[in-house]
Amino acid sequence: MMRILLVDDHEILRHGLKQLLGEIFPDAVFGEAATVVQARAMMAGQLWHLMLLDINLPGGSGLDLLEEARRNQAGVVVLVLSSYPEEEFAVRAFKCGADGYLTKASVASELFVAVRKVLGGGKYVSASLAERLARVIGLPAIQLPHETLSPRELEVVRLVAKGRSIKEIAGELCLGEKTIATYRKRAAEKLGLASNVEIARYALQHGLVD
């Protein structure tokens, strides 16, 4: 059973995160902490699989808490979700052991992609920061989810994002509908997305369609 700890001093944000993450982890157990002291108590009493962590917290820094989690929470995956711009704090967060960094201005679909990426063992940052992080802290080049798609899978994603149905795509590419459905399923799994709406939103965000 997935155990997720939400560490943020805004109750409304924690509530929203629970609703969003509950869509992809319906059986998850959630813990909440609004301060560094509360977060330490939650970590002392339970091991967590995933932590969503703000940097600016009452009672201390989320980055200090991140380093403590790395020492005391074996196997925990930490996604920093902060109002601070990436260029100011992302490098520091990764040096402290973060698995991913998102700003609070990110949309829900990007949160889904980031969570699936870090739980799969990868690192997540926005496309604009990936190259800089690789250069500054020596990470291997961070591969965006759509970069793992085959040419045909990418083509199907682009057409789905343009509103084409499976039948229409099959006709356009001269392939069977079952084959197109398989390409779409594989692409959706690689992107960490489920619906056509999510696929379209991702494609627009990453410039895969006009």
Protein backbone atom coordinates (compact mmCIF):
# COMPACT_ATOMS: atom_id res chain seq x y z
CA MET A 1 0.00 0.00 0.00
CA MET A 2 1.38 3.39 -1.01
CA ARG A 3 2.15 5.70 1.93
CA ILE A 4 2.40 9.39 1.00
CA LEU A 5 3.50 12.19 3.32
CA LEU A 6 2.45 15.74 2.42
CA VAL A 7 4.56 18.43 4.08
CA ASP A 8 3.25 21.93 3.47
CA ASP A 9 1.96 24.66 5.76
CA HIS A 10 -1.09 25.39 3.58
CA GLU A 11 -4.02 23.12 4.43
CA ILE A 12 -5.84 23.87 1.19
CA LEU A 13 -2.83 22.79 -0.86
CA ARG A 14 -2.48 19.55 1.13
CA HIS A 15 -6.18 18.85 0.58
CA GLY A 16 -5.81 19.44 -3.15
CA LEU A 17 -2.78 17.18 -3.37
CA LYS A 18 -4.65 14.40 -1.59
CA GLN A 19 -7.48 14.64 -4.10
CA LEU A 20 -5.14 14.67 -7.10
CA LEU A 21 -2.90 11.85 -5.90
CA GLY A 22 -5.94 9.85 -4.85
CA GLU A 23 -6.88 9.64 -8.52
CA ILE A 24 -3.77 7.60 -9.35
CA PHE A 25 -3.30 5.93 -5.93
CA PRO A 26 -6.87 5.26 -4.74
CA ASP A 27 -5.71 2.99 -1.91
CA ALA A 28 -2.93 5.29 -0.66
CA VAL A 29 -2.53 6.18 3.00
CA PHE A 30 -1.78 9.88 3.49
CA GLY A 31 0.04 11.66 6.27
CA GLU A 32 0.11 15.43 6.67
CA ALA A 33 2.45 17.87 8.36
CA ALA A 34 2.33 21.67 8.42
CA THR A 35 5.62 22.29 10.24
CA VAL A 36 9.10 20.83 10.48
CA VAL A 37 8.33 19.53 13.98
CA GLN A 38 5.19 17.76 12.79
CA ALA A 39 7.03 16.29 9.81
CA ARG A 40 9.78 14.92 12.06
CA ALA A 41 7.16 13.28 14.25
CA MET A 42 5.50 11.70 11.20
CA MET A 43 8.84 10.39 9.94
CA ALA A 44 9.74 9.01 13.35
CA GLY A 45 6.56 6.98 13.57
CA GLN A 46 6.23 5.65 10.03
CA LEU A 47 8.20 4.81 6.90
CA TRP A 48 6.91 6.57 3.79
CA HIS A 49 7.16 5.68 0.11
CA LEU A 50 6.66 9.20 -1.28
CA MET A 51 7.08 12.64 0.28
CA LEU A 52 5.88 15.89 -1.28
CA LEU A 53 7.86 18.58 0.47
CA ASP A 54 7.74 22.37 0.55
CA ILE A 55 10.95 24.31 1.21
CA ASN A 56 9.53 27.19 3.25
CA LEU A 57 8.11 25.69 6.46
CA PRO A 58 7.43 26.96 9.98
CA GLY A 59 10.15 25.83 12.36
CA GLY A 60 12.93 25.31 9.85
CA SER A 61 13.89 24.59 6.27
CA GLY A 62 12.41 21.90 4.11
CA LEU A 63 15.90 21.27 2.75
CA ASP A 64 17.11 20.32 6.23
CA LEU A 65 14.10 18.02 6.51
CA LEU A 66 15.01 16.53 3.15
CA GLU A 67 18.50 15.63 4.38
CA GLU A 68 16.98 14.06 7.51
CA ALA A 69 14.61 12.02 5.37
CA ARG A 70 17.56 10.74 3.35
CA ARG A 71 19.24 9.55 6.57
CA ASN A 72 16.21 8.14 8.36
CA GLN A 73 13.65 7.09 5.72
CA ALA A 74 15.17 4.25 3.75
CA GLY A 75 13.86 4.19 0.21
CA VAL A 76 11.65 7.27 0.45
CA VAL A 77 11.17 9.22 -2.78
CA VAL A 78 11.07 12.99 -2.30
CA LEU A 79 9.44 15.42 -4.71
CA VAL A 80 9.99 19.05 -3.75
CA LEU A 81 6.92 21.17 -4.51
CA SER A 82 7.78 24.80 -3.90
CA SER A 83 6.71 28.32 -4.72
CA TYR A 84 10.37 29.23 -5.25
CA PRO A 85 11.51 29.40 -8.90
CA GLU A 86 13.51 26.43 -10.15
CA GLU A 87 16.56 28.50 -11.00
CA GLU A 88 16.86 29.61 -7.38
CA PHE A 89 16.40 26.39 -5.43
CA ALA A 90 16.24 23.30 -7.65
CA VAL A 91 20.01 22.75 -7.76
CA ARG A 92 20.22 23.07 -3.98
CA ALA A 93 17.30 20.68 -3.54
CA PHE A 94 18.94 18.03 -5.73
CA LYS A 95 22.21 18.38 -3.85
CA CYS A 96 20.27 17.67 -0.65
CA GLY A 97 18.83 14.49 -2.16
CA ALA A 98 15.59 15.47 -3.91
CA ASP A 99 14.30 13.15 -6.63
CA GLY A 100 12.30 15.85 -8.37
CA TYR A 101 11.42 19.54 -8.26
CA LEU A 102 8.14 21.19 -9.24
CA THR A 103 6.90 24.71 -8.72
CA LYS A 104 3.42 25.23 -7.31
CA ALA A 105 2.48 26.91 -10.58
CA SER A 106 2.65 23.51 -12.29
CA VAL A 107 -0.55 21.97 -13.63
CA ALA A 108 -2.03 18.71 -12.38
CA SER A 109 -0.92 16.67 -15.38
CA GLU A 110 2.70 17.67 -14.78
CA LEU A 111 2.38 16.56 -11.15
CA PHE A 112 1.17 13.15 -12.34
CA VAL A 113 4.11 12.83 -14.73
CA ALA A 114 6.60 13.92 -12.05
CA VAL A 115 5.26 11.50 -9.43
CA ARG A 116 5.33 8.53 -11.79
CA LYS A 117 8.81 9.50 -12.98
CA VAL A 118 10.36 9.66 -9.50
CA LEU A 119 8.57 6.55 -8.26
CA GLY A 120 9.99 4.76 -11.29
CA GLY A 121 13.51 5.63 -10.16
CA GLY A 122 14.05 8.68 -12.35
CA LYS A 123 14.70 12.35 -11.67
CA TYR A 124 12.17 15.00 -12.58
CA VAL A 125 12.66 18.64 -13.47
CA SER A 126 11.10 20.80 -16.15
CA ALA A 127 12.54 20.69 -19.63
CA SER A 128 13.95 24.19 -19.24
CA LEU A 129 16.09 23.20 -16.27
CA ALA A 130 17.16 19.67 -17.21
CA GLU A 131 20.28 20.63 -19.15
CA ARG A 132 21.47 23.12 -16.54
CA LEU A 133 21.08 20.60 -13.72
CA ALA A 134 23.00 17.97 -15.65
CA ARG A 135 25.85 20.41 -16.12
CA VAL A 136 25.88 21.91 -12.62
CA ILE A 137 25.55 18.84 -10.42
CA GLY A 138 26.79 16.13 -12.73
CA LEU A 139 23.54 14.25 -13.24
CA PRO A 140 23.28 12.22 -16.40
CA ALA A 141 21.17 13.97 -19.02
CA ILE A 142 17.60 13.90 -17.74
CA GLN A 143 15.35 12.27 -20.30
CA LEU A 144 11.88 13.69 -20.64
CA PRO A 145 9.07 11.10 -20.74
CA HIS A 146 8.19 11.73 -24.40
CA GLU A 147 11.82 11.18 -25.37
CA THR A 148 11.34 7.48 -24.53
CA LEU A 149 8.60 7.09 -27.15
CA SER A 150 9.24 5.28 -30.39
CA PRO A 151 8.66 7.31 -33.58
CA ARG A 152 5.32 5.59 -34.14
CA GLU A 153 4.21 6.08 -30.52
CA LEU A 154 5.10 9.77 -30.77
CA GLU A 155 3.12 10.07 -33.97
CA VAL A 156 0.09 8.51 -32.34
CA VAL A 157 0.43 10.83 -29.33
CA ARG A 158 0.53 13.85 -31.61
CA LEU A 159 -2.63 12.72 -33.43
CA VAL A 160 -4.45 11.91 -30.18
CA ALA A 161 -3.54 15.40 -28.96
CA LYS A 162 -5.10 16.82 -32.13
CA GLY A 163 -8.39 15.14 -31.26
CA ARG A 164 -8.23 12.21 -33.66
CA SER A 165 -10.02 8.99 -32.71
CA ILE A 166 -8.37 5.57 -32.85
CA LYS A 167 -10.33 4.86 -36.05
CA GLU A 168 -9.24 8.13 -37.65
CA ILE A 169 -5.58 7.58 -36.71
CA ALA A 170 -5.70 4.04 -38.11
CA GLY A 171 -7.00 5.36 -41.40
CA GLU A 172 -4.45 8.17 -41.54
CA LEU A 173 -1.49 5.86 -40.82
CA CYS A 174 -2.84 2.89 -42.79
CA LEU A 175 -2.69 0.60 -39.76
CA GLY A 176 -5.23 -1.51 -37.91
CA GLU A 177 -7.24 -0.04 -35.06
CA LYS A 178 -5.91 -2.66 -32.62
CA THR A 179 -2.35 -1.70 -33.57
CA ILE A 180 -3.08 1.99 -32.98
CA ALA A 181 -4.74 1.19 -29.66
CA THR A 182 -1.59 -0.72 -28.63
CA TYR A 183 0.65 2.21 -29.58
CA ARG A 184 -1.56 4.59 -27.61
CA LYS A 185 -1.55 2.30 -24.56
CA ARG A 186 2.25 1.96 -24.60
CA ALA A 187 2.72 5.71 -25.06
CA ALA A 188 0.32 6.52 -22.23
CA GLU A 189 2.18 4.15 -19.89
CA LYS A 190 5.55 5.73 -20.76
CA LEU A 191 4.16 9.22 -20.20
CA GLY A 192 2.43 8.24 -16.97
CA LEU A 193 -0.91 9.49 -18.30
CA ALA A 194 -4.32 7.89 -18.63
CA SER A 195 -6.85 9.93 -20.59
CA ASN A 196 -6.73 11.58 -23.99
CA VAL A 197 -7.21 14.93 -22.24
CA GLU A 198 -4.04 14.37 -20.19
CA ILE A 199 -2.14 13.30 -23.32
CA ALA A 200 -3.29 16.41 -25.19
CA ARG A 201 -2.32 18.69 -22.30
CA TYR A 202 1.12 17.08 -22.05
CA ALA A 203 1.68 17.39 -25.81
CA LEU A 204 0.79 21.09 -25.73
CA GLN A 205 3.01 21.80 -22.72
CA HIS A 206 6.02 20.18 -24.36
CA GLY A 207 5.51 21.58 -27.84
CA LEU A 208 4.66 18.26 -29.48
CA VAL A 209 1.73 19.86 -31.31
CA ASP A 210 1.07 23.35 -32.58
